[in-house]
Amino acid sequence: MEVTVLGAAGSRCGVYSATCLQVDTHLLIDAGHLGALPVEQWQSIEVVLLTHAHFDHIADLPFLLGCTWQQRQMPLRIYGHPATLQAVQQHLFNDTIWTDFRNLRLPNGQDPVVHFEAVEAGQLFRIDSYYVIPFRSNHPVPTLGYVVKQGDRGFAFTSDTGPNPQVWEMVNADAQIKAVITEVSLPNRLSAEAAAVGHYTPQLLREDLRIVRRTDVTIYAVHWKPELEAEVLRDIATDLPDVVVLRGGEQLEF
């Protein structure tokens, strides 16, 4: 299983690209930025796992559908928390902000362009050769992280979250999770504010990582805010020297 980091920042501006992970060729986790993916490969995307409805995680979803629906043989499958899917359908695909693709059919004339599938934390489901387990993240809006496994190996993506001990106990209990991609959005001087709005700082993540009893798990950090990048990376280097910062463009093998 190969994971390509199409977007790693906590916003989109200049050279910074918002959250988007591509698993092999046809599965996305969030859709904050598809610009790094050649457009001819967009139609290979068959499934999107949405973590929540904040714009930096859904920004390119309308363009993904708009640019590919005429070439699709099957509906784009979008999974997410019921509240996330409701927000996307009500506020994005509503024929005002963007086309409501639920009302269109693929070139075969039968299948809808998009299919929404609601999932809940703890509800294991299968997508092709992958097993997916949603779990709760600590964020102001309903937010799911996902464990994605293929065979006996996999990774966890927390998406946006503040202190969340349950995630790290889950990692302790599941030896098949070989890596965790989590967020570190803000610098330590904003730890009180970060905890209040559901984000990690290096200091807050360091406290949670004390829960982890395993030594064979790689921790990756994403979602640093571009305007605070220098501070966040400095604090990560001080407090989390073993955490690997992802900048976008990386390919991770699991």
C-alpha atoms as a PDB file:
ATOM      1  CA  MET A   1       0.000   0.000   0.000  1.00  0.00           C
ATOM      2  CA  GLU A   2       1.411   3.371  -1.055  1.00  0.00           C
ATOM      3  CA  VAL A   3       0.225   6.692   0.374  1.00  0.00           C
ATOM      4  CA  THR A   4       1.018   9.861  -1.563  1.00  0.00           C
ATOM      5  CA  VAL A   5       0.768  13.138   0.341  1.00  0.00           C
ATOM      6  CA  LEU A   6      -0.956  15.454  -2.145  1.00  0.00           C
ATOM      7  CA  GLY A   7      -1.523  18.146   0.489  1.00  0.00           C
ATOM      8  CA  ALA A   8      -0.132  18.516   3.998  1.00  0.00           C
ATOM      9  CA  ALA A   9      -0.700  22.065   5.237  1.00  0.00           C
ATOM     10  CA  GLY A  10      -3.502  23.466   7.350  1.00  0.00           C
ATOM     11  CA  SER A  11      -4.521  25.932   4.662  1.00  0.00           C
ATOM     12  CA  ARG A  12      -4.113  26.646   0.970  1.00  0.00           C
ATOM     13  CA  CYS A  13      -2.002  29.591  -0.138  1.00  0.00           C
ATOM     14  CA  GLY A  14       1.029  30.034  -2.359  1.00  0.00           C
ATOM     15  CA  VAL A  15       3.063  26.829  -2.344  1.00  0.00           C
ATOM     16  CA  TYR A  16       1.064  25.398   0.564  1.00  0.00           C
ATOM     17  CA  SER A  17      -1.500  22.691  -0.202  1.00  0.00           C
ATOM     18  CA  ALA A  18      -4.342  21.603   2.081  1.00  0.00           C
ATOM     19  CA  THR A  19      -5.051  18.110   3.345  1.00  0.00           C
ATOM     20  CA  CYS A  20      -5.277  15.287   0.824  1.00  0.00           C
ATOM     21  CA  LEU A  21      -3.861  11.755   0.953  1.00  0.00           C
ATOM     22  CA  GLN A  22      -3.973   9.377  -2.002  1.00  0.00           C
ATOM     23  CA  VAL A  23      -3.923   5.668  -1.176  1.00  0.00           C
ATOM     24  CA  ASP A  24      -2.530   3.758  -4.158  1.00  0.00           C
ATOM     25  CA  THR A  25      -4.311   5.078  -7.258  1.00  0.00           C
ATOM     26  CA  HIS A  26      -8.031   5.178  -6.540  1.00  0.00           C
ATOM     27  CA  LEU A  27      -8.707   6.148  -2.917  1.00  0.00           C
ATOM     28  CA  LEU A  28      -8.480   9.604  -1.343  1.00  0.00           C
ATOM     29  CA  ILE A  29      -8.647  10.654   2.276  1.00  0.00           C
ATOM     30  CA  ASP A  30      -9.999  14.203   2.117  1.00  0.00           C
ATOM     31  CA  ALA A  31      -9.807  16.393  -0.957  1.00  0.00           C
ATOM     32  CA  GLY A  32      -8.183  19.638   0.101  1.00  0.00           C
ATOM     33  CA  HIS A  33      -5.786  19.689  -2.853  1.00  0.00           C
ATOM     34  CA  LEU A  34      -5.602  17.605  -6.003  1.00  0.00           C
ATOM     35  CA  GLY A  35      -3.381  20.002  -7.930  1.00  0.00           C
ATOM     36  CA  ALA A  36      -0.316  17.783  -7.487  1.00  0.00           C
ATOM     37  CA  LEU A  37      -2.094  14.912  -9.231  1.00  0.00           C
ATOM     38  CA  PRO A  38      -2.056  14.988 -13.053  1.00  0.00           C
ATOM     39  CA  VAL A  39      -5.582  15.702 -14.207  1.00  0.00           C
ATOM     40  CA  GLU A  40      -5.683  12.585 -16.387  1.00  0.00           C
ATOM     41  CA  GLN A  41      -5.375  10.550 -13.167  1.00  0.00           C
ATOM     42  CA  TRP A  42      -8.362  12.228 -11.514  1.00  0.00           C
ATOM     43  CA  GLN A  43     -10.798   9.866 -13.173  1.00  0.00           C
ATOM     44  CA  SER A  44      -9.001   6.941 -11.486  1.00  0.00           C
ATOM     45  CA  ILE A  45     -10.260   8.197  -8.112  1.00  0.00           C
ATOM     46  CA  GLU A  46     -13.165   5.955  -7.150  1.00  0.00           C
ATOM     47  CA  VAL A  47     -13.526   6.560  -3.393  1.00  0.00           C
ATOM     48  CA  VAL A  48     -13.148   9.543  -1.058  1.00  0.00           C
ATOM     49  CA  LEU A  49     -13.093   9.193   2.726  1.00  0.00           C
ATOM     50  CA  LEU A  50     -14.048  12.568   4.187  1.00  0.00           C
ATOM     51  CA  THR A  51     -12.950  13.306   7.737  1.00  0.00           C
ATOM     52  CA  HIS A  52     -15.118  16.418   8.182  1.00  0.00           C
ATOM     53  CA  ALA A  53     -16.638  19.282   6.255  1.00  0.00           C
ATOM     54  CA  HIS A  54     -14.173  22.107   6.919  1.00  0.00           C
ATOM     55  CA  PHE A  55     -13.203  23.689   3.621  1.00  0.00           C
ATOM     56  CA  ASP A  56      -9.489  22.840   3.698  1.00  0.00           C
ATOM     57  CA  HIS A  57     -10.539  19.168   3.582  1.00  0.00           C
ATOM     58  CA  ILE A  58     -13.147  19.380   0.792  1.00  0.00           C
ATOM     59  CA  ALA A  59     -11.964  22.244  -1.434  1.00  0.00           C
ATOM     60  CA  ASP A  60     -11.241  20.199  -4.567  1.00  0.00           C
ATOM     61  CA  LEU A  61     -14.169  17.815  -4.235  1.00  0.00           C
ATOM     62  CA  PRO A  62     -16.408  19.879  -6.579  1.00  0.00           C
ATOM     63  CA  PHE A  63     -13.663  20.006  -9.216  1.00  0.00           C
ATOM     64  CA  LEU A  64     -12.998  16.274  -8.899  1.00  0.00           C
ATOM     65  CA  LEU A  65     -16.595  15.572  -9.858  1.00  0.00           C
ATOM     66  CA  GLY A  66     -16.901  18.391 -12.343  1.00  0.00           C
ATOM     67  CA  CYS A  67     -13.814  17.328 -14.303  1.00  0.00           C
ATOM     68  CA  THR A  68     -14.437  13.577 -14.372  1.00  0.00           C
ATOM     69  CA  TRP A  69     -18.126  12.730 -14.361  1.00  0.00           C
ATOM     70  CA  GLN A  70     -18.339  12.317 -18.131  1.00  0.00           C
ATOM     71  CA  GLN A  71     -15.509   9.762 -18.076  1.00  0.00           C
ATOM     72  CA  ARG A  72     -16.714   7.717 -15.117  1.00  0.00           C
ATOM     73  CA  GLN A  73     -17.995   4.185 -15.468  1.00  0.00           C
ATOM     74  CA  MET A  74     -19.122   3.986 -11.820  1.00  0.00           C
ATOM     75  CA  PRO A  75     -20.296   6.589  -9.270  1.00  0.00           C
ATOM     76  CA  LEU A  76     -17.731   8.339  -7.127  1.00  0.00           C
ATOM     77  CA  ARG A  77     -18.249   6.872  -3.644  1.00  0.00           C
ATOM     78  CA  ILE A  78     -17.948   9.401  -0.815  1.00  0.00           C
ATOM     79  CA  TYR A  79     -17.859   8.111   2.767  1.00  0.00           C
ATOM     80  CA  GLY A  80     -18.126  10.217   5.901  1.00  0.00           C
ATOM     81  CA  HIS A  81     -19.906  10.965   9.143  1.00  0.00           C
ATOM     82  CA  PRO A  82     -23.628  11.660   8.594  1.00  0.00           C
ATOM     83  CA  ALA A  83     -23.155  15.294   9.648  1.00  0.00           C
ATOM     84  CA  THR A  84     -20.264  15.703   7.203  1.00  0.00           C
ATOM     85  CA  LEU A  85     -22.250  14.331   4.286  1.00  0.00           C
ATOM     86  CA  GLN A  86     -25.261  16.454   5.208  1.00  0.00           C
ATOM     87  CA  ALA A  87     -23.101  19.588   5.249  1.00  0.00           C
ATOM     88  CA  VAL A  88     -21.516  18.773   1.888  1.00  0.00           C
ATOM     89  CA  GLN A  89     -24.865  18.084   0.257  1.00  0.00           C
ATOM     90  CA  GLN A  90     -26.680  21.034   1.814  1.00  0.00           C
ATOM     91  CA  HIS A  91     -24.009  23.718   1.491  1.00  0.00           C
ATOM     92  CA  LEU A  92     -21.830  22.621  -1.445  1.00  0.00           C
ATOM     93  CA  PHE A  93     -23.642  20.350  -3.901  1.00  0.00           C
ATOM     94  CA  ASN A  94     -26.848  22.343  -3.788  1.00  0.00           C
ATOM     95  CA  ASP A  95     -27.163  23.776  -7.329  1.00  0.00           C
ATOM     96  CA  THR A  96     -26.232  27.195  -5.914  1.00  0.00           C
ATOM     97  CA  ILE A  97     -22.623  26.879  -4.815  1.00  0.00           C
ATOM     98  CA  TRP A  98     -21.989  23.924  -7.132  1.00  0.00           C
ATOM     99  CA  THR A  99     -23.911  21.409  -9.226  1.00  0.00           C
ATOM    100  CA  ASP A 100     -25.934  18.842  -7.288  1.00  0.00           C
ATOM    101  CA  PHE A 101     -24.439  15.778  -8.921  1.00  0.00           C
ATOM    102  CA  ARG A 102     -27.005  13.539  -7.267  1.00  0.00           C
ATOM    103  CA  ASN A 103     -29.403  14.696  -9.974  1.00  0.00           C
ATOM    104  CA  LEU A 104     -27.115  13.744 -12.868  1.00  0.00           C
ATOM    105  CA  ARG A 105     -26.446  10.354 -14.423  1.00  0.00           C
ATOM    106  CA  LEU A 106     -23.241   8.848 -15.742  1.00  0.00           C
ATOM    107  CA  PRO A 107     -22.872   8.380 -19.520  1.00  0.00           C
ATOM    108  CA  ASN A 108     -24.446   4.922 -19.122  1.00  0.00           C
ATOM    109  CA  GLY A 109     -27.692   6.765 -18.360  1.00  0.00           C
ATOM    110  CA  GLN A 110     -28.444   4.689 -15.259  1.00  0.00           C
ATOM    111  CA  ASP A 111     -26.002   5.239 -12.394  1.00  0.00           C
ATOM    112  CA  PRO A 112     -25.818   8.511 -10.445  1.00  0.00           C
ATOM    113  CA  VAL A 113     -22.586  10.484 -10.664  1.00  0.00           C
ATOM    114  CA  VAL A 114     -21.984  10.308  -6.927  1.00  0.00           C
ATOM    115  CA  HIS A 115     -22.993   7.990  -4.097  1.00  0.00           C
ATOM    116  CA  PHE A 116     -22.826   9.124  -0.464  1.00  0.00           C
ATOM    117  CA  GLU A 117     -22.295   6.495   2.246  1.00  0.00           C
ATOM    118  CA  ALA A 118     -22.633   7.459   5.926  1.00  0.00           C
ATOM    119  CA  VAL A 119     -20.347   5.698   8.409  1.00  0.00           C
ATOM    120  CA  GLU A 120     -19.931   5.891  12.159  1.00  0.00           C
ATOM    121  CA  ALA A 121     -16.965   5.534  14.501  1.00  0.00           C
ATOM    122  CA  GLY A 122     -16.136   1.874  15.089  1.00  0.00           C
ATOM    123  CA  GLN A 123     -18.005   0.686  11.996  1.00  0.00           C
ATOM    124  CA  LEU A 124     -15.507  -1.464  10.091  1.00  0.00           C
ATOM    125  CA  PHE A 125     -16.159  -1.634   6.369  1.00  0.00           C
ATOM    126  CA  ARG A 126     -14.378  -2.868   3.285  1.00  0.00           C
ATOM    127  CA  ILE A 127     -13.418  -0.965   0.144  1.00  0.00           C
ATOM    128  CA  ASP A 128     -11.974  -3.304  -2.463  1.00  0.00           C
ATOM    129  CA  SER A 129      -8.853  -4.808  -0.826  1.00  0.00           C
ATOM    130  CA  TYR A 130      -8.817  -2.327   2.087  1.00  0.00           C
ATOM    131  CA  TYR A 131     -10.348  -2.589   5.521  1.00  0.00           C
ATOM    132  CA  VAL A 132     -11.337   0.785   6.953  1.00  0.00           C
ATOM    133  CA  ILE A 133     -12.116   1.583  10.582  1.00  0.00           C
ATOM    134  CA  PRO A 134     -13.425   5.085  11.387  1.00  0.00           C
ATOM    135  CA  PHE A 135     -12.690   6.563  14.811  1.00  0.00           C
ATOM    136  CA  ARG A 136     -13.601   9.788  16.571  1.00  0.00           C
ATOM    137  CA  SER A 137     -11.318  12.801  16.496  1.00  0.00           C
ATOM    138  CA  ASN A 138     -11.497  15.724  18.916  1.00  0.00           C
ATOM    139  CA  HIS A 139     -12.622  18.687  16.817  1.00  0.00           C
ATOM    140  CA  PRO A 140     -15.493  21.214  17.081  1.00  0.00           C
ATOM    141  CA  VAL A 141     -17.471  19.619  14.242  1.00  0.00           C
ATOM    142  CA  PRO A 142     -18.143  15.867  13.938  1.00  0.00           C
ATOM    143  CA  THR A 143     -14.838  14.487  12.668  1.00  0.00           C
ATOM    144  CA  LEU A 144     -13.665  10.978  11.874  1.00  0.00           C
ATOM    145  CA  GLY A 145     -10.160   9.668  11.566  1.00  0.00           C
ATOM    146  CA  TYR A 146      -9.570   6.448   9.666  1.00  0.00           C
ATOM    147  CA  VAL A 147      -7.460   3.333  10.027  1.00  0.00           C
ATOM    148  CA  VAL A 148      -6.794   1.896   6.568  1.00  0.00           C
ATOM    149  CA  LYS A 149      -5.422  -1.642   6.319  1.00  0.00           C
ATOM    150  CA  GLN A 150      -4.425  -3.916   3.499  1.00  0.00           C
ATOM    151  CA  GLY A 151      -3.496  -7.430   4.524  1.00  0.00           C
ATOM    152  CA  ASP A 152      -1.948  -7.282   7.993  1.00  0.00           C
ATOM    153  CA  ARG A 153      -0.516  -3.759   7.781  1.00  0.00           C
ATOM    154  CA  GLY A 154      -1.982  -0.302   7.799  1.00  0.00           C
ATOM    155  CA  PHE A 155      -1.884   3.277   9.060  1.00  0.00           C
ATOM    156  CA  ALA A 156      -4.102   5.679  10.959  1.00  0.00           C
ATOM    157  CA  PHE A 157      -4.954   9.226   9.942  1.00  0.00           C
ATOM    158  CA  THR A 158      -6.381  11.331  12.770  1.00  0.00           C
ATOM    159  CA  SER A 159      -7.301  14.377  10.681  1.00  0.00           C
ATOM    160  CA  ASP A 160      -7.894  17.520  12.756  1.00  0.00           C
ATOM    161  CA  THR A 161      -7.846  16.719  16.440  1.00  0.00           C
ATOM    162  CA  GLY A 162      -6.891  18.070  19.802  1.00  0.00           C
ATOM    163  CA  PRO A 163      -5.855  15.892  22.742  1.00  0.00           C
ATOM    164  CA  ASN A 164      -7.315  12.453  22.072  1.00  0.00           C
ATOM    165  CA  PRO A 165      -6.018   9.666  24.369  1.00  0.00           C
ATOM    166  CA  GLN A 166      -8.404   7.101  22.873  1.00  0.00           C
ATOM    167  CA  VAL A 167      -6.540   7.225  19.560  1.00  0.00           C
ATOM    168  CA  TRP A 168      -3.245   6.327  21.143  1.00  0.00           C
ATOM    169  CA  GLU A 169      -4.761   3.517  23.194  1.00  0.00           C
ATOM    170  CA  MET A 170      -6.176   2.199  19.905  1.00  0.00           C
ATOM    171  CA  VAL A 171      -2.651   2.244  18.479  1.00  0.00           C
ATOM    172  CA  ASN A 172      -1.352   0.342  21.501  1.00  0.00           C
ATOM    173  CA  ALA A 173      -4.016  -2.320  21.001  1.00  0.00           C
ATOM    174  CA  ASP A 174      -3.534  -2.840  17.257  1.00  0.00           C
ATOM    175  CA  ALA A 175      -0.080  -4.031  16.159  1.00  0.00           C
ATOM    176  CA  GLN A 176      -1.164  -3.840  12.507  1.00  0.00           C
ATOM    177  CA  ILE A 177      -1.106  -0.024  12.670  1.00  0.00           C
ATOM    178  CA  LYS A 178       2.449   0.750  11.585  1.00  0.00           C
ATOM    179  CA  ALA A 179       2.161   4.533  11.339  1.00  0.00           C
ATOM    180  CA  VAL A 180      -0.013   7.421  12.494  1.00  0.00           C
ATOM    181  CA  ILE A 181      -0.414  10.576  10.442  1.00  0.00           C
ATOM    182  CA  THR A 182      -1.658  13.212  12.843  1.00  0.00           C
ATOM    183  CA  GLU A 183      -1.844  16.954  12.970  1.00  0.00           C
ATOM    184  CA  VAL A 184       0.255  19.630  14.648  1.00  0.00           C
ATOM    185  CA  SER A 185      -1.444  22.863  13.701  1.00  0.00           C
ATOM    186  CA  LEU A 186      -0.221  25.529  16.116  1.00  0.00           C
ATOM    187  CA  PRO A 187       2.914  26.450  18.101  1.00  0.00           C
ATOM    188  CA  ASN A 188       3.291  25.810  21.811  1.00  0.00           C
ATOM    189  CA  ARG A 189       2.537  29.417  22.784  1.00  0.00           C
ATOM    190  CA  LEU A 190      -1.017  28.797  21.552  1.00  0.00           C
ATOM    191  CA  SER A 191      -1.571  25.504  23.407  1.00  0.00           C
ATOM    192  CA  ALA A 192      -4.554  26.787  25.388  1.00  0.00           C
ATOM    193  CA  GLU A 193      -6.219  28.083  22.232  1.00  0.00           C
ATOM    194  CA  ALA A 194      -5.373  24.894  20.330  1.00  0.00           C
ATOM    195  CA  ALA A 195      -6.966  22.640  22.937  1.00  0.00           C
ATOM    196  CA  ALA A 196     -10.080  24.824  22.924  1.00  0.00           C
ATOM    197  CA  VAL A 197     -10.550  24.559  19.135  1.00  0.00           C
ATOM    198  CA  GLY A 198      -9.531  20.927  18.678  1.00  0.00           C
ATOM    199  CA  HIS A 199      -5.929  21.072  17.463  1.00  0.00           C
ATOM    200  CA  TYR A 200      -2.564  19.815  18.614  1.00  0.00           C
ATOM    201  CA  THR A 201       0.551  21.791  19.372  1.00  0.00           C
ATOM    202  CA  PRO A 202       3.867  19.933  19.724  1.00  0.00           C
ATOM    203  CA  GLN A 203       3.509  20.202  23.493  1.00  0.00           C
ATOM    204  CA  LEU A 204      -0.020  18.775  23.515  1.00  0.00           C
ATOM    205  CA  LEU A 205       0.914  15.947  21.159  1.00  0.00           C
ATOM    206  CA  ARG A 206       3.968  15.105  23.284  1.00  0.00           C
ATOM    207  CA  GLU A 207       1.680  14.664  26.291  1.00  0.00           C
ATOM    208  CA  ASP A 208      -0.584  12.274  24.367  1.00  0.00           C
ATOM    209  CA  LEU A 209       2.328  10.313  22.911  1.00  0.00           C
ATOM    210  CA  ARG A 210       3.366   9.340  26.427  1.00  0.00           C
ATOM    211  CA  ILE A 211       0.428   6.943  26.262  1.00  0.00           C
ATOM    212  CA  VAL A 212       2.021   4.987  23.399  1.00  0.00           C
ATOM    213  CA  ARG A 213       3.816   1.876  24.641  1.00  0.00           C
ATOM    214  CA  ARG A 214       4.898   0.593  21.237  1.00  0.00           C
ATOM    215  CA  THR A 215       8.263   1.418  19.700  1.00  0.00           C
ATOM    216  CA  ASP A 216       7.503   0.221  16.158  1.00  0.00           C
ATOM    217  CA  VAL A 217       5.099   2.994  15.117  1.00  0.00           C
ATOM    218  CA  THR A 218       6.182   5.959  13.004  1.00  0.00           C
ATOM    219  CA  ILE A 219       4.453   9.254  13.786  1.00  0.00           C
ATOM    220  CA  TYR A 220       4.010  11.793  10.999  1.00  0.00           C
ATOM    221  CA  ALA A 221       2.867  15.407  11.432  1.00  0.00           C
ATOM    222  CA  VAL A 222       0.756  17.433   8.995  1.00  0.00           C
ATOM    223  CA  HIS A 223      -1.631  20.413   9.032  1.00  0.00           C
ATOM    224  CA  TRP A 224       0.753  23.083  10.368  1.00  0.00           C
ATOM    225  CA  LYS A 225      -0.670  26.522   9.617  1.00  0.00           C
ATOM    226  CA  PRO A 226       1.419  28.205   6.882  1.00  0.00           C
ATOM    227  CA  GLU A 227       1.516  31.571   8.627  1.00  0.00           C
ATOM    228  CA  LEU A 228       2.938  29.883  11.737  1.00  0.00           C
ATOM    229  CA  GLU A 229       5.125  27.329   9.960  1.00  0.00           C
ATOM    230  CA  ALA A 230       8.490  28.451  11.348  1.00  0.00           C
ATOM    231  CA  GLU A 231       7.242  28.438  14.944  1.00  0.00           C
ATOM    232  CA  VAL A 232       5.476  25.081  14.633  1.00  0.00           C
ATOM    233  CA  LEU A 233       8.462  23.364  13.015  1.00  0.00           C
ATOM    234  CA  ARG A 234      10.823  24.820  15.612  1.00  0.00           C
ATOM    235  CA  ASP A 235       8.638  23.505  18.432  1.00  0.00           C
ATOM    236  CA  ILE A 236       8.337  20.091  16.758  1.00  0.00           C
ATOM    237  CA  ALA A 237      12.122  19.859  16.485  1.00  0.00           C
ATOM    238  CA  THR A 238      12.420  20.648  20.204  1.00  0.00           C
ATOM    239  CA  ASP A 239       9.545  18.630  21.659  1.00  0.00           C
ATOM    240  CA  LEU A 240       9.022  15.865  19.096  1.00  0.00           C
ATOM    241  CA  PRO A 241      12.426  15.007  17.604  1.00  0.00           C
ATOM    242  CA  ASP A 242      11.230  11.567  16.463  1.00  0.00           C
ATOM    243  CA  VAL A 243       8.150  12.862  14.651  1.00  0.00           C
ATOM    244  CA  VAL A 244       8.480  13.159  10.864  1.00  0.00           C
ATOM    245  CA  VAL A 245       7.041  16.347   9.340  1.00  0.00           C
ATOM    246  CA  LEU A 246       5.307  15.883   5.986  1.00  0.00           C
ATOM    247  CA  ARG A 247       5.448  18.809   3.575  1.00  0.00           C
ATOM    248  CA  GLY A 248       3.556  17.386   0.601  1.00  0.00           C
ATOM    249  CA  GLY A 249       4.792  15.198  -2.224  1.00  0.00           C
ATOM    250  CA  GLU A 250       6.035  12.350  -0.051  1.00  0.00           C
ATOM    251  CA  GLN A 251       5.255   8.715  -0.881  1.00  0.00           C
ATOM    252  CA  LEU A 252       4.919   6.432   2.126  1.00  0.00           C
ATOM    253  CA  GLU A 253       4.999   2.640   1.867  1.00  0.00           C
ATOM    254  CA  PHE A 254       3.035   0.429   4.237  1.00  0.00           C
END
